[in-house]
Amino acid sequence: MKGPRELADPGVRWPRGEKKGMLMLQKLESMAVLPAKDLARARAFYQDTLGFEAEEMPGGDGVLYRTGGGTSFLLYETDNAGSAKNTQLSWLSEDLDAEVADLRGRGVVFAEYDFPGLKTENGIATTEGMRTAWFLDTEGNILAVSERTA
């Protein structure tokens, strides 16, 4: 059986000192996983409001959505949805104002925050090197769109 080095793209440079047979997570595509209490409702939001196209998972265990740069996110049904108090998925934009305007036109409501270290103005917070706007999906998951400023 061939190991990851033998299967890897010949252009991939492996770091020095790496142990033989060690997998290189840095080289793999990543996938976020989002919970949904009501998969049909969440699916309608991601498809109809945000404009994603769904890929069915084998066995009907969820829905996969592809995003830019080879990344994706999986939406699956569970009673634990909406319990996280942190950003669960974020997109990086080159024009945050245009993204926010487009999403508002689709009915997305952006969160307003005002606490030490973070204050939004018109739904957008500016921090060192970044501007970010947060919103909730239908399942209570916290989502964000950001733009680098530096």
C-alpha atoms as a PDB file:
ATOM      1  CA  MET A   1       0.000   0.000   0.000  1.00  0.00           C
ATOM      2  CA  LYS A   2       1.342   3.426  -0.941  1.00  0.00           C
ATOM      3  CA  GLY A   3       1.710   6.093   1.731  1.00  0.00           C
ATOM      4  CA  PRO A   4       0.735   9.774   1.436  1.00  0.00           C
ATOM      5  CA  ARG A   5       4.118  10.756  -0.017  1.00  0.00           C
ATOM      6  CA  GLU A   6       3.763   8.293  -2.873  1.00  0.00           C
ATOM      7  CA  LEU A   7       0.168   9.353  -3.572  1.00  0.00           C
ATOM      8  CA  ALA A   8       0.772  13.102  -3.299  1.00  0.00           C
ATOM      9  CA  ASP A   9       1.009  15.494  -6.185  1.00  0.00           C
ATOM     10  CA  PRO A  10       4.702  15.592  -7.242  1.00  0.00           C
ATOM     11  CA  GLY A  11       4.613  19.376  -6.778  1.00  0.00           C
ATOM     12  CA  VAL A  12       3.770  19.111  -3.067  1.00  0.00           C
ATOM     13  CA  ARG A  13       6.738  19.998  -0.867  1.00  0.00           C
ATOM     14  CA  TRP A  14       6.837  18.061   2.380  1.00  0.00           C
ATOM     15  CA  PRO A  15       8.269  19.871   5.429  1.00  0.00           C
ATOM     16  CA  ARG A  16      11.654  18.802   6.750  1.00  0.00           C
ATOM     17  CA  GLY A  17      11.682  16.520   9.721  1.00  0.00           C
ATOM     18  CA  GLU A  18       8.246  15.147   8.952  1.00  0.00           C
ATOM     19  CA  LYS A  19       7.793  11.551  10.009  1.00  0.00           C
ATOM     20  CA  LYS A  20       7.306   8.958   7.316  1.00  0.00           C
ATOM     21  CA  GLY A  21       3.655   8.113   6.811  1.00  0.00           C
ATOM     22  CA  MET A  22       2.358  11.251   8.542  1.00  0.00           C
ATOM     23  CA  LEU A  23      -0.700  12.686   6.851  1.00  0.00           C
ATOM     24  CA  MET A  24      -0.499  16.300   5.773  1.00  0.00           C
ATOM     25  CA  LEU A  25      -3.759  17.929   6.833  1.00  0.00           C
ATOM     26  CA  GLN A  26      -2.475  21.271   5.543  1.00  0.00           C
ATOM     27  CA  LYS A  27      -2.665  19.880   1.992  1.00  0.00           C
ATOM     28  CA  LEU A  28      -6.201  18.485   2.227  1.00  0.00           C
ATOM     29  CA  GLU A  29      -9.473  20.207   1.409  1.00  0.00           C
ATOM     30  CA  SER A  30     -11.433  21.140   4.500  1.00  0.00           C
ATOM     31  CA  MET A  31     -15.133  21.008   5.252  1.00  0.00           C
ATOM     32  CA  ALA A  32     -17.111  22.803   7.937  1.00  0.00           C
ATOM     33  CA  VAL A  33     -20.023  20.936   9.502  1.00  0.00           C
ATOM     34  CA  LEU A  34     -23.160  22.850  10.489  1.00  0.00           C
ATOM     35  CA  PRO A  35     -26.051  21.468  12.529  1.00  0.00           C
ATOM     36  CA  ALA A  36     -29.702  21.975  11.587  1.00  0.00           C
ATOM     37  CA  LYS A  37     -32.761  21.227  13.709  1.00  0.00           C
ATOM     38  CA  ASP A  38     -34.898  21.267  10.567  1.00  0.00           C
ATOM     39  CA  LEU A  39     -32.859  20.196   7.540  1.00  0.00           C
ATOM     40  CA  ALA A  40     -35.572  21.147   5.024  1.00  0.00           C
ATOM     41  CA  ARG A  41     -35.867  24.663   6.468  1.00  0.00           C
ATOM     42  CA  ALA A  42     -32.081  25.118   6.562  1.00  0.00           C
ATOM     43  CA  ARG A  43     -31.717  23.754   3.055  1.00  0.00           C
ATOM     44  CA  ALA A  44     -34.251  26.312   1.780  1.00  0.00           C
ATOM     45  CA  PHE A  45     -32.255  29.119   3.437  1.00  0.00           C
ATOM     46  CA  TYR A  46     -28.901  28.057   1.990  1.00  0.00           C
ATOM     47  CA  GLN A  47     -30.337  27.448  -1.462  1.00  0.00           C
ATOM     48  CA  ASP A  48     -33.063  30.070  -1.866  1.00  0.00           C
ATOM     49  CA  THR A  49     -31.610  32.892   0.244  1.00  0.00           C
ATOM     50  CA  LEU A  50     -27.851  32.379  -0.086  1.00  0.00           C
ATOM     51  CA  GLY A  51     -27.906  30.787  -3.555  1.00  0.00           C
ATOM     52  CA  PHE A  52     -25.960  27.567  -2.924  1.00  0.00           C
ATOM     53  CA  GLU A  53     -26.526  24.386  -4.920  1.00  0.00           C
ATOM     54  CA  ALA A  54     -26.929  21.220  -2.868  1.00  0.00           C
ATOM     55  CA  GLU A  55     -25.134  17.919  -3.293  1.00  0.00           C
ATOM     56  CA  GLU A  56     -26.933  15.054  -1.596  1.00  0.00           C
ATOM     57  CA  MET A  57     -24.895  12.971   0.824  1.00  0.00           C
ATOM     58  CA  PRO A  58     -25.104   9.188   0.447  1.00  0.00           C
ATOM     59  CA  GLY A  59     -27.783   7.759   2.693  1.00  0.00           C
ATOM     60  CA  GLY A  60     -29.522  11.107   3.058  1.00  0.00           C
ATOM     61  CA  ASP A  61     -27.348  12.054   6.038  1.00  0.00           C
ATOM     62  CA  GLY A  62     -27.103  15.693   5.067  1.00  0.00           C
ATOM     63  CA  VAL A  63     -26.470  18.167   2.297  1.00  0.00           C
ATOM     64  CA  LEU A  64     -23.094  19.327   1.006  1.00  0.00           C
ATOM     65  CA  TYR A  65     -22.487  22.820  -0.346  1.00  0.00           C
ATOM     66  CA  ARG A  66     -19.331  23.768  -2.266  1.00  0.00           C
ATOM     67  CA  THR A  67     -17.726  27.151  -1.734  1.00  0.00           C
ATOM     68  CA  GLY A  68     -14.685  28.810  -3.295  1.00  0.00           C
ATOM     69  CA  GLY A  69     -11.120  27.566  -3.060  1.00  0.00           C
ATOM     70  CA  GLY A  70     -12.035  23.891  -2.830  1.00  0.00           C
ATOM     71  CA  THR A  71     -13.803  24.250   0.506  1.00  0.00           C
ATOM     72  CA  SER A  72     -17.282  23.107   1.415  1.00  0.00           C
ATOM     73  CA  PHE A  73     -19.696  22.733   4.286  1.00  0.00           C
ATOM     74  CA  LEU A  74     -22.011  19.954   5.322  1.00  0.00           C
ATOM     75  CA  LEU A  75     -25.441  20.613   6.765  1.00  0.00           C
ATOM     76  CA  TYR A  76     -26.860  17.767   8.858  1.00  0.00           C
ATOM     77  CA  GLU A  77     -29.911  17.324  11.061  1.00  0.00           C
ATOM     78  CA  THR A  78     -29.510  17.239  14.852  1.00  0.00           C
ATOM     79  CA  ASP A  79     -31.283  18.578  17.929  1.00  0.00           C
ATOM     80  CA  ASN A  80     -28.033  20.324  18.967  1.00  0.00           C
ATOM     81  CA  ALA A  81     -28.311  23.052  16.337  1.00  0.00           C
ATOM     82  CA  GLY A  82     -28.136  26.672  17.384  1.00  0.00           C
ATOM     83  CA  SER A  83     -26.340  26.032  20.665  1.00  0.00           C
ATOM     84  CA  ALA A  84     -22.916  27.451  19.699  1.00  0.00           C
ATOM     85  CA  LYS A  85     -22.184  31.025  20.757  1.00  0.00           C
ATOM     86  CA  ASN A  86     -19.335  31.511  18.290  1.00  0.00           C
ATOM     87  CA  THR A  87     -18.970  32.059  14.554  1.00  0.00           C
ATOM     88  CA  GLN A  88     -19.349  28.669  12.913  1.00  0.00           C
ATOM     89  CA  LEU A  89     -18.698  29.536   9.275  1.00  0.00           C
ATOM     90  CA  SER A  90     -17.154  32.565   7.645  1.00  0.00           C
ATOM     91  CA  TRP A  91     -16.580  33.617   4.067  1.00  0.00           C
ATOM     92  CA  LEU A  92     -13.753  35.914   3.009  1.00  0.00           C
ATOM     93  CA  SER A  93     -14.802  38.585   0.509  1.00  0.00           C
ATOM     94  CA  GLU A  94     -12.904  41.155  -1.495  1.00  0.00           C
ATOM     95  CA  ASP A  95     -15.886  43.555  -1.285  1.00  0.00           C
ATOM     96  CA  LEU A  96     -17.731  43.251   2.014  1.00  0.00           C
ATOM     97  CA  ASP A  97     -20.021  46.215   1.354  1.00  0.00           C
ATOM     98  CA  ALA A  98     -21.288  44.635  -1.868  1.00  0.00           C
ATOM     99  CA  GLU A  99     -21.787  41.236  -0.173  1.00  0.00           C
ATOM    100  CA  VAL A 100     -23.723  42.813   2.703  1.00  0.00           C
ATOM    101  CA  ALA A 101     -25.896  44.816   0.303  1.00  0.00           C
ATOM    102  CA  ASP A 102     -26.627  41.710  -1.783  1.00  0.00           C
ATOM    103  CA  LEU A 103     -27.466  39.607   1.263  1.00  0.00           C
ATOM    104  CA  ARG A 104     -29.704  42.332   2.703  1.00  0.00           C
ATOM    105  CA  GLY A 105     -31.514  42.373  -0.633  1.00  0.00           C
ATOM    106  CA  ARG A 106     -32.155  38.661  -0.141  1.00  0.00           C
ATOM    107  CA  GLY A 107     -33.628  39.238   3.330  1.00  0.00           C
ATOM    108  CA  VAL A 108     -30.581  38.547   5.522  1.00  0.00           C
ATOM    109  CA  VAL A 109     -30.515  40.570   8.759  1.00  0.00           C
ATOM    110  CA  PHE A 110     -27.090  41.400  10.173  1.00  0.00           C
ATOM    111  CA  ALA A 111     -26.320  41.385  13.883  1.00  0.00           C
ATOM    112  CA  GLU A 112     -25.488  44.572  15.747  1.00  0.00           C
ATOM    113  CA  TYR A 113     -22.927  44.308  18.550  1.00  0.00           C
ATOM    114  CA  ASP A 114     -21.772  46.878  21.093  1.00  0.00           C
ATOM    115  CA  PHE A 115     -19.460  45.566  23.763  1.00  0.00           C
ATOM    116  CA  PRO A 116     -15.838  46.213  24.738  1.00  0.00           C
ATOM    117  CA  GLY A 117     -13.584  45.520  21.781  1.00  0.00           C
ATOM    118  CA  LEU A 118     -16.372  45.047  19.253  1.00  0.00           C
ATOM    119  CA  LYS A 119     -18.931  47.512  17.936  1.00  0.00           C
ATOM    120  CA  THR A 120     -20.771  47.241  14.655  1.00  0.00           C
ATOM    121  CA  GLU A 121     -21.933  50.154  12.544  1.00  0.00           C
ATOM    122  CA  ASN A 122     -24.661  49.319  10.072  1.00  0.00           C
ATOM    123  CA  GLY A 123     -23.958  45.627  10.740  1.00  0.00           C
ATOM    124  CA  ILE A 124     -20.188  45.770  10.121  1.00  0.00           C
ATOM    125  CA  ALA A 125     -17.428  45.651  12.739  1.00  0.00           C
ATOM    126  CA  THR A 126     -13.965  46.996  11.967  1.00  0.00           C
ATOM    127  CA  THR A 127     -11.037  45.468  13.829  1.00  0.00           C
ATOM    128  CA  GLU A 128      -7.311  45.501  13.172  1.00  0.00           C
ATOM    129  CA  GLY A 129      -6.871  44.183   9.628  1.00  0.00           C
ATOM    130  CA  MET A 130     -10.466  42.987   9.178  1.00  0.00           C
ATOM    131  CA  ARG A 131     -14.058  44.097   8.630  1.00  0.00           C
ATOM    132  CA  THR A 132     -16.784  41.566   9.455  1.00  0.00           C
ATOM    133  CA  ALA A 133     -20.586  41.275   9.330  1.00  0.00           C
ATOM    134  CA  TRP A 134     -22.399  38.478  11.213  1.00  0.00           C
ATOM    135  CA  PHE A 135     -25.811  36.934  10.629  1.00  0.00           C
ATOM    136  CA  LEU A 136     -27.786  33.875  11.712  1.00  0.00           C
ATOM    137  CA  ASP A 137     -29.101  31.091   9.543  1.00  0.00           C
ATOM    138  CA  THR A 138     -32.563  29.622  10.182  1.00  0.00           C
ATOM    139  CA  GLU A 139     -31.066  27.168  12.689  1.00  0.00           C
ATOM    140  CA  GLY A 140     -29.334  29.742  14.893  1.00  0.00           C
ATOM    141  CA  ASN A 141     -25.848  29.105  13.497  1.00  0.00           C
ATOM    142  CA  ILE A 142     -23.670  32.230  13.519  1.00  0.00           C
ATOM    143  CA  LEU A 143     -22.282  32.983  10.068  1.00  0.00           C
ATOM    144  CA  ALA A 144     -19.986  35.795   8.939  1.00  0.00           C
ATOM    145  CA  VAL A 145     -18.648  37.549   5.886  1.00  0.00           C
ATOM    146  CA  SER A 146     -15.273  39.266   6.286  1.00  0.00           C
ATOM    147  CA  GLU A 147     -12.902  41.418   4.304  1.00  0.00           C
ATOM    148  CA  ARG A 148      -9.200  41.922   4.975  1.00  0.00           C
ATOM    149  CA  THR A 149      -8.213  45.562   5.254  1.00  0.00           C
ATOM    150  CA  ALA A 150      -4.460  45.197   5.612  1.00  0.00           C
END
